[in-house]
Protein backbone atom coordinates (compact mmCIF):
# COMPACT_ATOMS: atom_id res chain seq x y z
CA MET A 1 -2.82 5.19 -25.33
CA SER A 2 -4.49 5.42 -28.70
CA LYS A 3 -4.27 8.59 -30.71
CA THR A 4 -7.77 9.99 -30.55
CA VAL A 5 -9.41 13.05 -32.04
CA ILE A 6 -12.78 14.35 -30.94
CA ILE A 7 -14.64 15.72 -33.97
CA VAL A 8 -16.95 18.56 -32.88
CA PHE A 9 -19.67 20.22 -34.93
CA PHE A 10 -21.54 23.33 -33.84
CA LYS A 11 -23.64 26.05 -35.39
CA VAL A 12 -23.56 29.83 -34.95
CA GLY A 13 -26.39 31.54 -36.80
CA ASP A 14 -26.45 30.06 -40.30
CA ASP A 15 -22.78 29.03 -40.17
CA GLU A 16 -21.70 25.52 -39.26
CA TYR A 17 -18.26 24.78 -37.81
CA LYS A 18 -16.20 21.64 -37.44
CA ILE A 19 -13.16 21.39 -35.21
CA SER A 20 -10.91 18.45 -34.39
CA LEU A 21 -9.61 18.23 -30.85
CA PRO A 22 -6.83 15.92 -29.67
CA TYR A 23 -7.86 13.86 -26.68
CA ASN A 24 -6.08 11.18 -24.68
CA MET A 25 -8.64 8.36 -24.61
CA SER A 26 -8.65 4.77 -25.79
CA PHE A 27 -11.53 3.01 -27.48
CA ARG A 28 -12.02 0.92 -24.33
CA GLN A 29 -12.26 4.08 -22.20
CA TRP A 30 -14.84 5.57 -24.57
CA ASP A 31 -16.83 2.34 -24.61
CA ASN A 32 -16.91 2.30 -20.79
CA ILE A 33 -17.03 6.04 -20.07
CA ASN A 34 -18.53 6.98 -16.73
CA GLU A 35 -20.46 10.13 -15.91
CA ALA A 36 -17.52 11.93 -14.31
CA ASP A 37 -15.21 11.33 -17.30
CA TYR A 38 -17.99 12.27 -19.70
CA ASN A 39 -18.48 15.57 -17.85
CA ILE A 40 -14.72 16.24 -18.04
CA LEU A 41 -14.85 15.62 -21.79
CA VAL A 42 -17.87 17.91 -22.24
CA ASP A 43 -16.16 20.67 -20.23
CA TYR A 44 -13.02 20.30 -22.37
CA ILE A 45 -15.08 20.55 -25.56
CA GLY A 46 -16.86 23.67 -24.25
CA GLU A 47 -13.55 25.32 -23.38
CA GLN A 48 -12.10 24.51 -26.79
CA ILE A 49 -15.17 25.84 -28.60
CA ASN A 50 -14.88 29.10 -26.65
CA LEU A 51 -11.18 29.37 -27.55
CA TYR A 52 -11.99 28.70 -31.21
CA LYS A 53 -14.71 31.35 -31.20
CA LYS A 54 -12.36 33.87 -29.59
CA ALA A 55 -9.51 33.10 -32.00
CA HIS A 56 -11.82 33.47 -35.00
CA LYS A 57 -13.66 36.50 -33.62
CA ILE A 58 -17.04 34.76 -33.57
CA ILE A 59 -19.21 36.81 -31.23
CA ASP A 60 -22.68 35.37 -31.80
CA PRO A 61 -23.88 32.60 -29.48
CA ILE A 62 -23.91 28.95 -30.42
CA GLU A 63 -27.31 27.68 -31.54
CA PRO A 64 -28.98 25.73 -28.72
CA ASP A 65 -28.58 21.96 -29.06
CA SER A 66 -26.32 22.31 -32.11
CA ILE A 67 -23.18 20.80 -30.57
CA GLU A 68 -22.45 17.25 -31.70
CA PHE A 69 -19.26 15.32 -31.11
CA ALA A 70 -17.79 11.89 -31.65
CA PRO A 71 -14.36 10.36 -31.15
CA HIS A 72 -12.21 9.11 -33.99
CA PHE A 73 -9.76 6.41 -32.96
CA TYR A 74 -6.82 6.01 -35.33
CA GLY A 75 -6.14 2.39 -36.13
CA VAL A 76 -9.54 1.18 -34.85
CA ASP A 77 -12.27 0.25 -37.30
């Protein structure tokens, strides 16, 4: 399995955040992702954002529609 990191951007108020999340997914899996696997990924990202907010004592809500994410596959151009 390729080493993959999901890069996530989100905004809280005027502050923008970027976190990198390890994820076990190959380029082929991303390229052919189905709805169920996509929903699992989105749930994972949501959980990790909530953990990040809690760890960094961020209490304000995330700006609507501010979450963006993309995978980074090491060794794949």
